[in-house]
């Protein structure tokens, strides 16, 4: 399956999932941008210390008294030293909010999540010269924590664990900002 058709199918699946995620219009669609840092020293050595991360996912558009189940997918893209990495994780998580004060400007939250990930990479180990490449699926899970700054903006930090592929670990930390475009 080609990357463009996989990405298009993922977008449609994410939008359809978000449309069904909440009946009370507390969930919307948000776009995010951030940086991703792999925890594997080998991956950092071969690709660089940071990757760009773009995403589309559920975003709170109200201050709910309870949390909500939110889908999310991100594109993690890294190129460096002649190597390339593309990871597309699609996850569901429960976003739990700490506090219900609707007049508060800040609302902290935590979101444990799990899902599937698509890997497309071509990496030559700069130390040994061994080359690995694959287009494969794996599992992912992790935890995200952050602060809702308004009804439209949130900042977050997350740890993603990805199942290894060909002995390579793409697990890592991310920092991102999300802007809620509209509510469903």
Protein backbone atom coordinates (compact mmCIF):
# COMPACT_ATOMS: atom_id res chain seq x y z
CA UNK A 1 0.00 0.00 0.00
CA UNK A 2 1.38 3.41 -0.89
CA UNK A 3 2.07 6.05 1.76
CA UNK A 4 -0.38 8.57 0.26
CA UNK A 5 -3.30 6.14 0.30
CA UNK A 6 -2.39 4.97 3.82
CA UNK A 7 -2.23 8.56 5.05
CA UNK A 8 -5.57 9.40 3.36
CA UNK A 9 -7.23 6.33 4.87
CA UNK A 10 -5.84 7.26 8.29
CA UNK A 11 -7.21 10.79 8.05
CA UNK A 12 -10.66 9.49 7.13
CA UNK A 13 -10.56 6.94 9.93
CA UNK A 14 -9.47 9.59 12.45
CA UNK A 15 -12.21 12.01 11.41
CA UNK A 16 -14.88 9.29 11.48
CA UNK A 17 -13.67 8.09 14.87
CA UNK A 18 -13.70 11.59 16.31
CA UNK A 19 -17.19 12.17 15.00
CA UNK A 20 -18.39 9.16 16.98
CA UNK A 21 -16.20 9.75 20.03
CA UNK A 22 -18.51 12.17 21.83
CA UNK A 23 -22.21 12.80 21.56
CA UNK A 24 -22.11 16.03 23.60
CA UNK A 25 -19.81 18.17 21.37
CA UNK A 26 -17.03 18.31 23.95
CA UNK A 27 -14.58 16.87 21.46
CA UNK A 28 -13.32 18.58 18.36
CA UNK A 29 -10.64 18.17 15.78
CA UNK A 30 -7.27 19.69 16.47
CA UNK A 31 -3.99 19.94 14.61
CA UNK A 32 -0.67 19.65 16.39
CA UNK A 33 2.96 20.30 15.66
CA UNK A 34 5.95 19.37 17.75
CA UNK A 35 9.30 17.69 18.09
CA UNK A 36 10.03 14.03 18.70
CA UNK A 37 13.21 12.74 20.35
CA UNK A 38 13.99 9.01 20.06
CA UNK A 39 15.25 7.34 23.25
CA UNK A 40 17.47 4.89 21.32
CA UNK A 41 21.03 6.19 21.10
CA UNK A 42 21.51 4.19 17.88
CA UNK A 43 18.49 5.85 16.18
CA UNK A 44 19.63 9.30 17.39
CA UNK A 45 23.13 8.60 16.06
CA UNK A 46 21.88 7.44 12.65
CA UNK A 47 19.04 9.97 12.15
CA UNK A 48 19.73 12.89 14.46
CA UNK A 49 18.48 13.91 17.87
CA UNK A 50 15.05 15.22 16.91
CA UNK A 51 12.30 14.61 14.40
CA UNK A 52 9.33 16.69 13.29
CA UNK A 53 5.89 15.58 14.43
CA UNK A 54 2.55 16.63 12.91
CA UNK A 55 -0.79 15.38 14.10
CA UNK A 56 -4.55 15.34 13.85
CA UNK A 57 -6.69 14.24 16.72
CA UNK A 58 -9.31 14.82 19.32
CA UNK A 59 -9.17 18.10 21.19
CA UNK A 60 -11.35 19.44 23.98
CA UNK A 61 -13.46 22.40 22.98
CA UNK A 62 -15.21 22.75 26.36
CA UNK A 63 -14.21 22.25 29.97
CA UNK A 64 -15.93 18.93 30.69
CA UNK A 65 -16.65 17.74 34.21
CA UNK A 66 -15.21 14.39 33.18
CA UNK A 67 -12.59 13.26 30.71
CA UNK A 68 -13.23 11.87 27.29
CA UNK A 69 -12.00 9.17 24.91
CA UNK A 70 -10.03 10.77 22.12
CA UNK A 71 -8.44 9.33 18.96
CA UNK A 72 -5.22 10.78 17.62
CA UNK A 73 -2.75 10.18 14.86
CA UNK A 74 0.66 11.72 14.31
CA UNK A 75 3.23 11.76 11.55
CA UNK A 76 6.79 11.43 12.80
CA UNK A 77 9.26 12.30 10.07
CA UNK A 78 13.05 12.20 10.37
CA UNK A 79 15.80 12.48 7.76
CA UNK A 80 19.47 12.61 8.52
CA UNK A 81 22.83 11.18 7.50
CA UNK A 82 21.26 9.66 4.36
CA UNK A 83 18.67 7.79 6.48
CA UNK A 84 14.91 8.26 6.63
CA UNK A 85 12.14 7.38 9.06
CA UNK A 86 8.37 7.76 8.78
CA UNK A 87 6.15 6.56 11.65
CA UNK A 88 2.35 6.90 11.64
CA UNK A 89 0.84 5.96 15.03
CA UNK A 90 -2.96 5.86 15.40
CA UNK A 91 -4.08 5.73 19.03
CA UNK A 92 -7.09 5.97 21.32
CA UNK A 93 -6.73 7.33 24.82
CA UNK A 94 -8.73 8.53 27.77
CA UNK A 95 -8.08 12.21 28.49
CA UNK A 96 -8.63 12.74 32.23
CA UNK A 97 -8.95 16.37 33.37
CA UNK A 98 -7.78 17.52 36.80
CA UNK A 99 -10.41 20.05 37.81
CA UNK A 100 -13.75 21.26 36.51
CA UNK A 101 -13.60 25.01 37.12
CA UNK A 102 -14.93 26.51 33.89
CA UNK A 103 -13.47 29.94 34.72
CA UNK A 104 -9.90 28.62 35.12
CA UNK A 105 -7.45 29.55 32.36
CA UNK A 106 -5.40 26.36 32.87
CA UNK A 107 -6.66 22.80 33.07
CA UNK A 108 -4.07 20.02 33.48
CA UNK A 109 -4.77 16.59 32.00
CA UNK A 110 -3.26 13.15 31.54
CA UNK A 111 -4.02 10.77 28.65
CA UNK A 112 -2.90 7.13 28.62
CA UNK A 113 -3.20 5.72 25.09
CA UNK A 114 -2.67 2.63 22.94
CA UNK A 115 -2.94 1.79 19.25
CA UNK A 116 -1.16 0.69 16.10
CA UNK A 117 1.73 2.24 14.18
CA UNK A 118 2.97 2.02 10.61
CA UNK A 119 6.75 2.17 10.07
CA UNK A 120 8.52 3.06 6.84
CA UNK A 121 12.26 3.41 7.25
CA UNK A 122 15.58 2.99 5.51
CA UNK A 123 18.46 3.23 7.97
CA UNK A 124 22.14 2.39 7.58
CA UNK A 125 23.93 2.01 10.91
CA UNK A 126 26.75 4.54 10.71
CA UNK A 127 28.95 2.46 13.03
CA UNK A 128 28.63 -0.99 11.43
CA UNK A 129 27.44 -0.16 7.91
CA UNK A 130 24.48 -2.57 8.24
CA UNK A 131 21.37 -1.47 6.36
CA UNK A 132 17.78 -2.09 7.53
CA UNK A 133 14.61 -1.04 5.79
CA UNK A 134 10.99 -2.05 6.21
CA UNK A 135 7.39 -1.08 5.71
CA UNK A 136 5.60 -2.74 8.61
CA UNK A 137 2.96 -2.41 11.30
CA UNK A 138 3.56 -2.56 15.05
CA UNK A 139 1.92 -1.65 18.33
CA UNK A 140 2.27 1.54 20.34
CA UNK A 141 1.23 2.76 23.76
CA UNK A 142 2.21 5.53 26.12
CA UNK A 143 1.15 8.42 28.25
CA UNK A 144 0.62 12.11 27.53
CA UNK A 145 0.35 14.94 30.02
CA UNK A 146 -0.35 18.56 29.41
CA UNK A 147 -2.31 21.70 30.05
CA UNK A 148 -5.37 23.03 28.26
CA UNK A 149 -4.59 26.76 27.99
CA UNK A 150 -7.96 27.75 26.60
CA UNK A 151 -10.84 26.17 24.75
CA UNK A 152 -8.61 26.09 21.66
CA UNK A 153 -4.99 25.48 22.71
CA UNK A 154 -3.16 22.76 24.62
CA UNK A 155 0.50 22.00 25.17
CA UNK A 156 1.67 18.51 25.99
CA UNK A 157 4.54 16.14 26.56
CA UNK A 158 4.24 12.42 25.80
CA UNK A 159 6.17 9.19 25.80
CA UNK A 160 5.46 6.72 22.95
CA UNK A 161 6.59 3.13 23.18
CA UNK A 162 6.76 1.43 19.77
CA UNK A 163 7.34 -2.29 19.29
CA UNK A 164 10.85 -2.74 17.85
CA UNK A 165 11.27 -3.46 14.14
CA UNK A 166 14.39 -5.31 12.91
CA UNK A 167 15.99 -4.61 16.28
CA UNK A 168 15.43 -0.84 15.96
CA UNK A 169 13.50 1.00 18.67
CA UNK A 170 11.61 4.12 17.59
CA UNK A 171 10.22 4.84 21.10
CA UNK A 172 10.68 8.37 22.32
CA UNK A 173 9.52 11.63 23.88
CA UNK A 174 7.54 14.38 22.21
CA UNK A 175 6.64 17.98 22.98
CA UNK A 176 3.76 19.48 21.02
CA UNK A 177 1.15 22.21 20.83
CA UNK A 178 -2.38 21.52 19.59
CA UNK A 179 -4.89 24.00 18.21
CA UNK A 180 -8.55 22.96 18.15
CA UNK A 181 -10.06 23.85 14.77
CA UNK A 182 -13.73 23.05 15.42
CA UNK A 183 -16.03 20.92 17.55
CA UNK A 184 -17.93 17.90 16.37
